[in-house]
Amino acid sequence: MAEILAVDGVDAIFLGPSDLAASMGVLGQQEHPDVRAAVEHCLAAAAAAGKPAGVNAFNPATADHYLASGAAFVLVGADVALLARGSEALAARFVTPASGATPTSY
C-alpha cells in the first residue's frame, strides 16, 4: 500500500471492502475479520502518508469503526442497496403472503 500511496499524483485512496473480500477469497464477506484488518491497514498507511482514505461501509457500526480508525470519508449508501432496502420495506408493509406463508421473494 505504501508504494501506491507514494506514486506521484495519487492524492487519496478509496477502499471497496466487497471487492477486497472477493480478491481475498471471501466473496460477499466484507465484514470478515481479515477484510476489516486489511482495510484498517490501508487506512493506517494512508494516514502515515498524509493522504486521505475513504471506504464503503453500509453497516452503520462498521462505518463508525472506520471513521474512528482514520477514514476521512465513508460511503454509507449506494443506489442499488438503497433501492433494494426501500423496496423490501414497502413489500413487507403492503404485500400479504398467500395463506400466511412467508414469501422467499416479492
PDB file of N, CA and C in Angstrom:
ATOM      1  N   MET A   1       0.832  -1.188   0.000  1.00  0.00           N
ATOM      2  CA  MET A   1       0.000   0.000   0.000  1.00  0.00           C
ATOM      3  C   MET A   1       0.877   1.252   0.000  1.00  0.00           C
ATOM      4  N   ALA A   2       1.974   1.224   0.742  1.00  0.00           N
ATOM      5  CA  ALA A   2       2.843   2.399   0.792  1.00  0.00           C
ATOM      6  C   ALA A   2       3.356   2.764  -0.598  1.00  0.00           C
ATOM      7  N   GLU A   3       3.604   1.758  -1.438  1.00  0.00           N
ATOM      8  CA  GLU A   3       4.096   2.013  -2.794  1.00  0.00           C
ATOM      9  C   GLU A   3       3.043   2.748  -3.620  1.00  0.00           C
ATOM     10  N   ILE A   4       1.793   2.359  -3.480  1.00  0.00           N
ATOM     11  CA  ILE A   4       0.716   3.027  -4.214  1.00  0.00           C
ATOM     12  C   ILE A   4       0.577   4.467  -3.731  1.00  0.00           C
ATOM     13  N   LEU A   5       0.598   4.644  -2.430  1.00  0.00           N
ATOM     14  CA  LEU A   5       0.445   5.977  -1.863  1.00  0.00           C
ATOM     15  C   LEU A   5       1.606   6.903  -2.220  1.00  0.00           C
ATOM     16  N   ALA A   6       2.747   6.342  -2.551  1.00  0.00           N
ATOM     17  CA  ALA A   6       3.920   7.145  -2.894  1.00  0.00           C
ATOM     18  C   ALA A   6       3.945   7.575  -4.367  1.00  0.00           C
ATOM     19  N   VAL A   7       3.047   7.049  -5.176  1.00  0.00           N
ATOM     20  CA  VAL A   7       3.011   7.393  -6.598  1.00  0.00           C
ATOM     21  C   VAL A   7       2.620   8.852  -6.761  1.00  0.00           C
ATOM     22  N   ASP A   8       3.401   9.572  -7.563  1.00  0.00           N
ATOM     23  CA  ASP A   8       3.108  10.975  -7.832  1.00  0.00           C
ATOM     24  C   ASP A   8       1.734  11.073  -8.482  1.00  0.00           C
ATOM     25  N   GLY A   9       0.886  11.925  -7.943  1.00  0.00           N
ATOM     26  CA  GLY A   9      -0.455  12.106  -8.481  1.00  0.00           C
ATOM     27  C   GLY A   9      -1.527  11.338  -7.731  1.00  0.00           C
ATOM     28  N   VAL A  10      -1.133  10.390  -6.891  1.00  0.00           N
ATOM     29  CA  VAL A  10      -2.110   9.701  -6.048  1.00  0.00           C
ATOM     30  C   VAL A  10      -2.317  10.579  -4.817  1.00  0.00           C
ATOM     31  N   ASP A  11      -3.474  11.217  -4.773  1.00  0.00           N
ATOM     32  CA  ASP A  11      -3.749  12.177  -3.712  1.00  0.00           C
ATOM     33  C   ASP A  11      -4.624  11.618  -2.604  1.00  0.00           C
ATOM     34  N   ALA A  12      -5.253  10.467  -2.854  1.00  0.00           N
ATOM     35  CA  ALA A  12      -6.141   9.834  -1.884  1.00  0.00           C
ATOM     36  C   ALA A  12      -6.390   8.406  -2.343  1.00  0.00           C
ATOM     37  N   ILE A  13      -6.952   7.590  -1.453  1.00  0.00           N
ATOM     38  CA  ILE A  13      -7.356   6.239  -1.837  1.00  0.00           C
ATOM     39  C   ILE A  13      -8.806   6.026  -1.404  1.00  0.00           C
ATOM     40  N   PHE A  14      -9.466   5.121  -2.106  1.00  0.00           N
ATOM     41  CA  PHE A  14     -10.825   4.738  -1.750  1.00  0.00           C
ATOM     42  C   PHE A  14     -10.892   3.221  -1.753  1.00  0.00           C
ATOM     43  N   LEU A  15     -11.359   2.662  -0.649  1.00  0.00           N
ATOM     44  CA  LEU A  15     -11.363   1.208  -0.467  1.00  0.00           C
ATOM     45  C   LEU A  15     -12.767   0.639  -0.636  1.00  0.00           C
ATOM     46  N   GLY A  16     -12.847  -0.467  -1.345  1.00  0.00           N
ATOM     47  CA  GLY A  16     -14.107  -1.178  -1.542  1.00  0.00           C
ATOM     48  C   GLY A  16     -14.028  -2.536  -0.866  1.00  0.00           C
ATOM     49  N   PRO A  17     -14.502  -2.659   0.372  1.00  0.00           N
ATOM     50  CA  PRO A  17     -14.400  -3.930   1.086  1.00  0.00           C
ATOM     51  C   PRO A  17     -15.048  -5.119   0.381  1.00  0.00           C
ATOM     52  N   SER A  18     -16.094  -4.899  -0.400  1.00  0.00           N
ATOM     53  CA  SER A  18     -16.702  -6.019  -1.124  1.00  0.00           C
ATOM     54  C   SER A  18     -15.749  -6.555  -2.186  1.00  0.00           C
ATOM     55  N   ASP A  19     -15.155  -5.652  -2.949  1.00  0.00           N
ATOM     56  CA  ASP A  19     -14.174  -6.075  -3.953  1.00  0.00           C
ATOM     57  C   ASP A  19     -12.954  -6.685  -3.283  1.00  0.00           C
ATOM     58  N   LEU A  20     -12.540  -6.081  -2.192  1.00  0.00           N
ATOM     59  CA  LEU A  20     -11.400  -6.608  -1.446  1.00  0.00           C
ATOM     60  C   LEU A  20     -11.684  -8.016  -0.936  1.00  0.00           C
ATOM     61  N   ALA A  21     -12.881  -8.226  -0.400  1.00  0.00           N
ATOM     62  CA  ALA A  21     -13.264  -9.554   0.084  1.00  0.00           C
ATOM     63  C   ALA A  21     -13.196 -10.579  -1.040  1.00  0.00           C
ATOM     64  N   ALA A  22     -13.692 -10.207  -2.214  1.00  0.00           N
ATOM     65  CA  ALA A  22     -13.665 -11.124  -3.357  1.00  0.00           C
ATOM     66  C   ALA A  22     -12.225 -11.476  -3.724  1.00  0.00           C
ATOM     67  N   SER A  23     -11.357 -10.478  -3.749  1.00  0.00           N
ATOM     68  CA  SER A  23      -9.962 -10.744  -4.125  1.00  0.00           C
ATOM     69  C   SER A  23      -9.217 -11.528  -3.041  1.00  0.00           C
ATOM     70  N   MET A  24      -9.733 -11.488  -1.810  1.00  0.00           N
ATOM     71  CA  MET A  24      -9.112 -12.240  -0.713  1.00  0.00           C
ATOM     72  C   MET A  24      -9.701 -13.642  -0.566  1.00  0.00           C
ATOM     73  N   GLY A  25     -10.655 -14.003  -1.448  1.00  0.00           N
ATOM     74  CA  GLY A  25     -11.238 -15.340  -1.410  1.00  0.00           C
ATOM     75  C   GLY A  25     -12.386 -15.511  -0.437  1.00  0.00           C
ATOM     76  N   VAL A  26     -12.953 -14.406   0.042  1.00  0.00           N
ATOM     77  CA  VAL A  26     -14.100 -14.470   0.954  1.00  0.00           C
ATOM     78  C   VAL A  26     -15.251 -13.644   0.368  1.00  0.00           C
ATOM     79  N   LEU A  27     -15.634 -14.003  -0.843  1.00  0.00           N
ATOM     80  CA  LEU A  27     -16.664 -13.308  -1.601  1.00  0.00           C
ATOM     81  C   LEU A  27     -17.912 -13.059  -0.759  1.00  0.00           C
ATOM     82  N   GLY A  28     -18.388 -11.819  -0.771  1.00  0.00           N
ATOM     83  CA  GLY A  28     -19.601 -11.461  -0.063  1.00  0.00           C
ATOM     84  C   GLY A  28     -19.438 -11.260   1.429  1.00  0.00           C
ATOM     85  N   GLN A  29     -18.219 -11.294   1.918  1.00  0.00           N
ATOM     86  CA  GLN A  29     -17.975 -11.189   3.361  1.00  0.00           C
ATOM     87  C   GLN A  29     -17.148  -9.948   3.689  1.00  0.00           C
ATOM     88  N   GLN A  30     -17.702  -8.782   3.366  1.00  0.00           N
ATOM     89  CA  GLN A  30     -16.965  -7.545   3.628  1.00  0.00           C
ATOM     90  C   GLN A  30     -16.735  -7.284   5.109  1.00  0.00           C
ATOM     91  N   GLU A  31     -17.439  -8.009   5.977  1.00  0.00           N
ATOM     92  CA  GLU A  31     -17.241  -7.867   7.424  1.00  0.00           C
ATOM     93  C   GLU A  31     -16.257  -8.917   7.967  1.00  0.00           C
ATOM     94  N   HIS A  32     -15.709  -9.749   7.096  1.00  0.00           N
ATOM     95  CA  HIS A  32     -14.762 -10.789   7.529  1.00  0.00           C
ATOM     96  C   HIS A  32     -13.592 -10.128   8.271  1.00  0.00           C
ATOM     97  N   PRO A  33     -13.138 -10.726   9.358  1.00  0.00           N
ATOM     98  CA  PRO A  33     -12.035 -10.117  10.135  1.00  0.00           C
ATOM     99  C   PRO A  33     -10.789  -9.809   9.305  1.00  0.00           C
ATOM    100  N   ASP A  34     -10.453 -10.666   8.352  1.00  0.00           N
ATOM    101  CA  ASP A  34      -9.271 -10.405   7.521  1.00  0.00           C
ATOM    102  C   ASP A  34      -9.485  -9.201   6.604  1.00  0.00           C
ATOM    103  N   VAL A  35     -10.703  -9.041   6.116  1.00  0.00           N
ATOM    104  CA  VAL A  35     -11.017  -7.889   5.261  1.00  0.00           C
ATOM    105  C   VAL A  35     -10.972  -6.613   6.086  1.00  0.00           C
ATOM    106  N   ARG A  36     -11.592  -6.641   7.253  1.00  0.00           N
ATOM    107  CA  ARG A  36     -11.561  -5.453   8.122  1.00  0.00           C
ATOM    108  C   ARG A  36     -10.126  -5.092   8.497  1.00  0.00           C
ATOM    109  N   ALA A  37      -9.307  -6.101   8.776  1.00  0.00           N
ATOM    110  CA  ALA A  37      -7.895  -5.846   9.110  1.00  0.00           C
ATOM    111  C   ALA A  37      -7.158  -5.225   7.927  1.00  0.00           C
ATOM    112  N   ALA A  38      -7.447  -5.683   6.722  1.00  0.00           N
ATOM    113  CA  ALA A  38      -6.805  -5.124   5.530  1.00  0.00           C
ATOM    114  C   ALA A  38      -7.228  -3.671   5.322  1.00  0.00           C
ATOM    115  N   VAL A  39      -8.507  -3.378   5.527  1.00  0.00           N
ATOM    116  CA  VAL A  39      -8.987  -2.004   5.408  1.00  0.00           C
ATOM    117  C   VAL A  39      -8.288  -1.126   6.439  1.00  0.00           C
ATOM    118  N   GLU A  40      -8.221  -1.598   7.672  1.00  0.00           N
ATOM    119  CA  GLU A  40      -7.564  -0.823   8.728  1.00  0.00           C
ATOM    120  C   GLU A  40      -6.087  -0.593   8.406  1.00  0.00           C
ATOM    121  N   HIS A  41      -5.425  -1.600   7.833  1.00  0.00           N
ATOM    122  CA  HIS A  41      -4.026  -1.459   7.420  1.00  0.00           C
ATOM    123  C   HIS A  41      -3.895  -0.336   6.385  1.00  0.00           C
ATOM    124  N   CYS A  42      -4.795  -0.328   5.405  1.00  0.00           N
ATOM    125  CA  CYS A  42      -4.759   0.698   4.368  1.00  0.00           C
ATOM    126  C   CYS A  42      -5.052   2.084   4.930  1.00  0.00           C
ATOM    127  N   LEU A  43      -5.993   2.164   5.861  1.00  0.00           N
ATOM    128  CA  LEU A  43      -6.287   3.456   6.496  1.00  0.00           C
ATOM    129  C   LEU A  43      -5.059   3.980   7.233  1.00  0.00           C
ATOM    130  N   ALA A  44      -4.374   3.099   7.933  1.00  0.00           N
ATOM    131  CA  ALA A  44      -3.160   3.500   8.663  1.00  0.00           C
ATOM    132  C   ALA A  44      -2.056   3.923   7.700  1.00  0.00           C
ATOM    133  N   ALA A  45      -1.916   3.199   6.598  1.00  0.00           N
ATOM    134  CA  ALA A  45      -0.893   3.543   5.606  1.00  0.00           C
ATOM    135  C   ALA A  45      -1.181   4.906   4.988  1.00  0.00           C
ATOM    136  N   ALA A  46      -2.437   5.184   4.707  1.00  0.00           N
ATOM    137  CA  ALA A  46      -2.803   6.489   4.141  1.00  0.00           C
ATOM    138  C   ALA A  46      -2.508   7.601   5.136  1.00  0.00           C
ATOM    139  N   ALA A  47      -2.847   7.369   6.396  1.00  0.00           N
ATOM    140  CA  ALA A  47      -2.569   8.377   7.427  1.00  0.00           C
ATOM    141  C   ALA A  47      -1.069   8.635   7.521  1.00  0.00           C
ATOM    142  N   ALA A  48      -0.269   7.569   7.471  1.00  0.00           N
ATOM    143  CA  ALA A  48       1.187   7.709   7.552  1.00  0.00           C
ATOM    144  C   ALA A  48       1.731   8.479   6.357  1.00  0.00           C
ATOM    145  N   ALA A  49       1.061   8.345   5.207  1.00  0.00           N
ATOM    146  CA  ALA A  49       1.496   9.054   4.003  1.00  0.00           C
ATOM    147  C   ALA A  49       0.914  10.461   3.930  1.00  0.00           C
ATOM    148  N   GLY A  50       0.045  10.801   4.890  1.00  0.00           N
ATOM    149  CA  GLY A  50      -0.563  12.122   4.897  1.00  0.00           C
ATOM    150  C   GLY A  50      -1.610  12.309   3.814  1.00  0.00           C
ATOM    151  N   LYS A  51      -2.257  11.196   3.415  1.00  0.00           N
ATOM    152  CA  LYS A  51      -3.262  11.266   2.357  1.00  0.00           C
ATOM    153  C   LYS A  51      -4.599  10.745   2.877  1.00  0.00           C
ATOM    154  N   PRO A  52      -5.690  11.349   2.453  1.00  0.00           N
ATOM    155  CA  PRO A  52      -6.998  10.888   2.916  1.00  0.00           C
ATOM    156  C   PRO A  52      -7.364   9.538   2.312  1.00  0.00           C
ATOM    157  N   ALA A  53      -8.144   8.795   3.074  1.00  0.00           N
ATOM    158  CA  ALA A  53      -8.638   7.497   2.614  1.00  0.00           C
ATOM    159  C   ALA A  53     -10.125   7.419   2.898  1.00  0.00           C
ATOM    160  N   GLY A  54     -10.847   6.866   1.943  1.00  0.00           N
ATOM    161  CA  GLY A  54     -12.271   6.643   2.113  1.00  0.00           C
ATOM    162  C   GLY A  54     -12.577   5.173   1.951  1.00  0.00           C
ATOM    163  N   VAL A  55     -13.786   4.784   2.365  1.00  0.00           N
ATOM    164  CA  VAL A  55     -14.157   3.374   2.339  1.00  0.00           C
ATOM    165  C   VAL A  55     -15.669   3.236   2.246  1.00  0.00           C
ATOM    166  N   ASN A  56     -16.132   2.183   1.562  1.00  0.00           N
ATOM    167  CA  ASN A  56     -17.551   1.799   1.587  1.00  0.00           C
ATOM    168  C   ASN A  56     -17.821   1.104   2.910  1.00  0.00           C
ATOM    169  N   ALA A  57     -18.916   1.442   3.556  1.00  0.00           N
ATOM    170  CA  ALA A  57     -19.317   0.753   4.792  1.00  0.00           C
ATOM    171  C   ALA A  57     -20.817   0.942   4.968  1.00  0.00           C
ATOM    172  N   PHE A  58     -21.599  -0.022   4.515  1.00  0.00           N
ATOM    173  CA  PHE A  58     -23.048   0.110   4.557  1.00  0.00           C
ATOM    174  C   PHE A  58     -23.635  -0.272   5.911  1.00  0.00           C
ATOM    175  N   ASN A  59     -22.860  -0.908   6.755  1.00  0.00           N
ATOM    176  CA  ASN A  59     -23.279  -1.221   8.118  1.00  0.00           C
ATOM    177  C   ASN A  59     -22.904  -0.011   8.983  1.00  0.00           C
ATOM    178  N   PRO A  60     -23.873   0.616   9.661  1.00  0.00           N
ATOM    179  CA  PRO A  60     -23.560   1.822  10.443  1.00  0.00           C
ATOM    180  C   PRO A  60     -22.460   1.624  11.487  1.00  0.00           C
ATOM    181  N   ALA A  61     -22.439   0.487  12.162  1.00  0.00           N
ATOM    182  CA  ALA A  61     -21.392   0.246  13.167  1.00  0.00           C
ATOM    183  C   ALA A  61     -20.023   0.152  12.503  1.00  0.00           C
ATOM    184  N   THR A  62     -19.973  -0.469  11.336  1.00  0.00           N
ATOM    185  CA  THR A  62     -18.710  -0.571  10.610  1.00  0.00           C
ATOM    186  C   THR A  62     -18.265   0.806  10.117  1.00  0.00           C
ATOM    187  N   ALA A  63     -19.211   1.606   9.650  1.00  0.00           N
ATOM    188  CA  ALA A  63     -18.881   2.963   9.214  1.00  0.00           C
ATOM    189  C   ALA A  63     -18.286   3.764  10.369  1.00  0.00           C
ATOM    190  N   ASP A  64     -18.911   3.678  11.528  1.00  0.00           N
ATOM    191  CA  ASP A  64     -18.381   4.366  12.709  1.00  0.00           C
ATOM    192  C   ASP A  64     -16.973   3.873  13.048  1.00  0.00           C
ATOM    193  N   HIS A  65     -16.779   2.565  12.961  1.00  0.00           N
ATOM    194  CA  HIS A  65     -15.465   1.978  13.266  1.00  0.00           C
ATOM    195  C   HIS A  65     -14.397   2.507  12.311  1.00  0.00           C
ATOM    196  N   TYR A  66     -14.718   2.530  11.007  1.00  0.00           N
ATOM    197  CA  TYR A  66     -13.735   3.011  10.037  1.00  0.00           C
ATOM    198  C   TYR A  66     -13.452   4.508  10.222  1.00  0.00           C
ATOM    199  N   LEU A  67     -14.461   5.286  10.566  1.00  0.00           N
ATOM    200  CA  LEU A  67     -14.218   6.703  10.853  1.00  0.00           C
ATOM    201  C   LEU A  67     -13.290   6.849  12.051  1.00  0.00           C
ATOM    202  N   ALA A  68     -13.520   6.049  13.084  1.00  0.00           N
ATOM    203  CA  ALA A  68     -12.660   6.089  14.268  1.00  0.00           C
ATOM    204  C   ALA A  68     -11.254   5.573  13.955  1.00  0.00           C
ATOM    205  N   SER A  69     -11.140   4.752  12.913  1.00  0.00           N
ATOM    206  CA  SER A  69      -9.841   4.192  12.517  1.00  0.00           C
ATOM    207  C   SER A  69      -9.097   5.089  11.545  1.00  0.00           C
ATOM    208  N   GLY A  70      -9.657   6.255  11.235  1.00  0.00           N
ATOM    209  CA  GLY A  70      -8.929   7.214  10.422  1.00  0.00           C
ATOM    210  C   GLY A  70      -9.484   7.476   9.035  1.00  0.00           C
ATOM    211  N   ALA A  71     -10.591   6.864   8.655  1.00  0.00           N
ATOM    212  CA  ALA A  71     -11.163   7.160   7.347  1.00  0.00           C
ATOM    213  C   ALA A  71     -11.563   8.633   7.295  1.00  0.00           C
ATOM    214  N   ALA A  72     -11.200   9.288   6.204  1.00  0.00           N
ATOM    215  CA  ALA A  72     -11.556  10.692   6.023  1.00  0.00           C
ATOM    216  C   ALA A  72     -12.991  10.838   5.532  1.00  0.00           C
ATOM    217  N   PHE A  73     -13.489   9.818   4.855  1.00  0.00           N
ATOM    218  CA  PHE A  73     -14.858   9.827   4.371  1.00  0.00           C
ATOM    219  C   PHE A  73     -15.332   8.392   4.213  1.00  0.00           C
ATOM    220  N   VAL A  74     -16.645   8.192   4.375  1.00  0.00           N
ATOM    221  CA  VAL A  74     -17.233   6.862   4.303  1.00  0.00           C
ATOM    222  C   VAL A  74     -18.497   6.932   3.453  1.00  0.00           C
ATOM    223  N   LEU A  75     -18.585   6.055   2.477  1.00  0.00           N
ATOM    224  CA  LEU A  75     -19.795   5.928   1.681  1.00  0.00           C
ATOM    225  C   LEU A  75     -20.722   4.989   2.438  1.00  0.00           C
ATOM    226  N   VAL A  76     -21.865   5.498   2.881  1.00  0.00           N
ATOM    227  CA  VAL A  76     -22.758   4.702   3.726  1.00  0.00           C
ATOM    228  C   VAL A  76     -24.013   4.233   2.998  1.00  0.00           C
ATOM    229  N   GLY A  77     -24.114   4.521   1.721  1.00  0.00           N
ATOM    230  CA  GLY A  77     -25.252   4.060   0.943  1.00  0.00           C
ATOM    231  C   GLY A  77     -24.904   4.047  -0.526  1.00  0.00           C
ATOM    232  N   ALA A  78     -25.569   3.198  -1.260  1.00  0.00           N
ATOM    233  CA  ALA A  78     -25.375   3.129  -2.704  1.00  0.00           C
ATOM    234  C   ALA A  78     -26.735   2.937  -3.349  1.00  0.00           C
ATOM    235  N   ASP A  79     -26.859   3.347  -4.586  1.00  0.00           N
ATOM    236  CA  ASP A  79     -28.153   3.311  -5.251  1.00  0.00           C
ATOM    237  C   ASP A  79     -28.810   1.935  -5.202  1.00  0.00           C
ATOM    238  N   VAL A  80     -28.075   0.896  -5.506  1.00  0.00           N
ATOM    239  CA  VAL A  80     -28.658  -0.449  -5.533  1.00  0.00           C
ATOM    240  C   VAL A  80     -29.121  -0.881  -4.145  1.00  0.00           C
ATOM    241  N   ALA A  81     -28.297  -0.659  -3.141  1.00  0.00           N
ATOM    242  CA  ALA A  81     -28.656  -1.061  -1.779  1.00  0.00           C
ATOM    243  C   ALA A  81     -29.846  -0.246  -1.262  1.00  0.00           C
ATOM    244  N   LEU A  82     -29.856   1.054  -1.527  1.00  0.00           N
ATOM    245  CA  LEU A  82     -30.959   1.896  -1.070  1.00  0.00           C
ATOM    246  C   LEU A  82     -32.274   1.498  -1.751  1.00  0.00           C
ATOM    247  N   LEU A  83     -32.204   1.228  -3.035  1.00  0.00           N
ATOM    248  CA  LEU A  83     -33.398   0.798  -3.763  1.00  0.00           C
ATOM    249  C   LEU A  83     -33.901  -0.543  -3.241  1.00  0.00           C
ATOM    250  N   ALA A  84     -32.981  -1.478  -3.020  1.00  0.00           N
ATOM    251  CA  ALA A  84     -33.377  -2.806  -2.525  1.00  0.00           C
ATOM    252  C   ALA A  84     -34.007  -2.713  -1.141  1.00  0.00           C
ATOM    253  N   ARG A  85     -33.364  -2.003  -0.197  1.00  0.00           N
ATOM    254  CA  ARG A  85     -33.912  -1.906   1.157  1.00  0.00           C
ATOM    255  C   ARG A  85     -35.255  -1.178   1.167  1.00  0.00           C
ATOM    256  N   GLY A  86     -35.383  -0.123   0.369  1.00  0.00           N
ATOM    257  CA  GLY A  86     -36.650   0.589   0.295  1.00  0.00           C
ATOM    258  C   GLY A  86     -37.755  -0.285  -0.277  1.00  0.00           C
ATOM    259  N   SER A  87     -37.441  -1.034  -1.312  1.00  0.00           N
ATOM    260  CA  SER A  87     -38.425  -1.948  -1.915  1.00  0.00           C
ATOM    261  C   SER A  87     -38.827  -3.043  -0.936  1.00  0.00           C
ATOM    262  N   GLU A  88     -37.860  -3.577  -0.208  1.00  0.00           N
ATOM    263  CA  GLU A  88     -38.161  -4.614   0.786  1.00  0.00           C
ATOM    264  C   GLU A  88     -39.074  -4.068   1.883  1.00  0.00           C
ATOM    265  N   ALA A  89     -38.810  -2.849   2.321  1.00  0.00           N
ATOM    266  CA  ALA A  89     -39.641  -2.257   3.374  1.00  0.00           C
ATOM    267  C   ALA A  89     -41.075  -2.053   2.887  1.00  0.00           C
ATOM    268  N   LEU A  90     -41.242  -1.579   1.667  1.00  0.00           N
ATOM    269  CA  LEU A  90     -42.579  -1.401   1.123  1.00  0.00           C
ATOM    270  C   LEU A  90     -43.298  -2.739   0.973  1.00  0.00           C
ATOM    271  N   ALA A  91     -42.603  -3.731   0.454  1.00  0.00           N
ATOM    272  CA  ALA A  91     -43.210  -5.054   0.275  1.00  0.00           C
ATOM    273  C   ALA A  91     -43.592  -5.659   1.614  1.00  0.00           C
ATOM    274  N   ALA A  92     -42.738  -5.494   2.611  1.00  0.00           N
ATOM    275  CA  ALA A  92     -43.043  -6.048   3.937  1.00  0.00           C
ATOM    276  C   ALA A  92     -44.300  -5.404   4.519  1.00  0.00           C
ATOM    277  N   ARG A  93     -44.508  -4.145   4.195  1.00  0.00           N
ATOM    278  CA  ARG A  93     -45.690  -3.460   4.729  1.00  0.00           C
ATOM    279  C   ARG A  93     -46.963  -3.746   3.938  1.00  0.00           C
ATOM    280  N   PHE A  94     -46.852  -3.835   2.607  1.00  0.00           N
ATOM    281  CA  PHE A  94     -48.055  -3.859   1.785  1.00  0.00           C
ATOM    282  C   PHE A  94     -48.357  -5.184   1.073  1.00  0.00           C
ATOM    283  N   VAL A  95     -47.427  -6.092   1.014  1.00  0.00           N
ATOM    284  CA  VAL A  95     -47.664  -7.356   0.321  1.00  0.00           C
ATOM    285  C   VAL A  95     -47.979  -8.432   1.350  1.00  0.00           C
ATOM    286  N   THR A  96     -49.160  -8.999   1.255  1.00  0.00           N
ATOM    287  CA  THR A  96     -49.578 -10.042   2.178  1.00  0.00           C
ATOM    288  C   THR A  96     -49.308 -11.396   1.541  1.00  0.00           C
ATOM    289  N   PRO A  97     -48.510 -12.227   2.185  1.00  0.00           N
ATOM    290  CA  PRO A  97     -48.240 -13.563   1.625  1.00  0.00           C
ATOM    291  C   PRO A  97     -49.524 -14.396   1.565  1.00  0.00           C
ATOM    292  N   ALA A  98     -49.641 -15.205   0.543  1.00  0.00           N
ATOM    293  CA  ALA A  98     -50.789 -16.107   0.402  1.00  0.00           C
ATOM    294  C   ALA A  98     -50.809 -17.097   1.549  1.00  0.00           C
ATOM    295  N   SER A  99     -51.957 -17.314   2.140  1.00  0.00           N
ATOM    296  CA  SER A  99     -52.156 -18.296   3.216  1.00  0.00           C
ATOM    297  C   SER A  99     -51.228 -18.068   4.401  1.00  0.00           C
ATOM    298  N   GLY A 100     -50.796 -16.852   4.612  1.00  0.00           N
ATOM    299  CA  GLY A 100     -49.953 -16.563   5.760  1.00  0.00           C
ATOM    300  C   GLY A 100     -48.517 -17.037   5.637  1.00  0.00           C
ATOM    301  N   ALA A 101     -48.126 -17.576   4.485  1.00  0.00           N
ATOM    302  CA  ALA A 101     -46.753 -18.056   4.288  1.00  0.00           C
ATOM    303  C   ALA A 101     -45.800 -16.872   4.168  1.00  0.00           C
ATOM    304  N   THR A 102     -44.578 -17.084   4.526  1.00  0.00           N
ATOM    305  CA  THR A 102     -43.549 -16.061   4.364  1.00  0.00           C
ATOM    306  C   THR A 102     -42.950 -16.191   2.978  1.00  0.00           C
ATOM    307  N   PRO A 103     -43.040 -15.150   2.164  1.00  0.00           N
ATOM    308  CA  PRO A 103     -42.505 -15.254   0.802  1.00  0.00           C
ATOM    309  C   PRO A 103     -40.989 -15.303   0.809  1.00  0.00           C
ATOM    310  N   THR A 104     -40.419 -15.993  -0.157  1.00  0.00           N
ATOM    311  CA  THR A 104     -38.973 -16.012  -0.296  1.00  0.00           C
ATOM    312  C   THR A 104     -38.520 -14.865  -1.195  1.00  0.00           C
ATOM    313  N   SER A 105     -39.478 -14.284  -1.917  1.00  0.00           N
ATOM    314  CA  SER A 105     -39.182 -13.181  -2.812  1.00  0.00           C
ATOM    315  C   SER A 105     -40.472 -12.391  -3.043  1.00  0.00           C
ATOM    316  N   TYR A 106     -40.346 -11.167  -3.551  1.00  0.00           N
ATOM    317  CA  TYR A 106     -41.535 -10.365  -3.831  1.00  0.00           C
ATOM    318  C   TYR A 106     -41.674 -10.159  -5.319  1.00  0.00           C
TER     319      TYR A 106
END
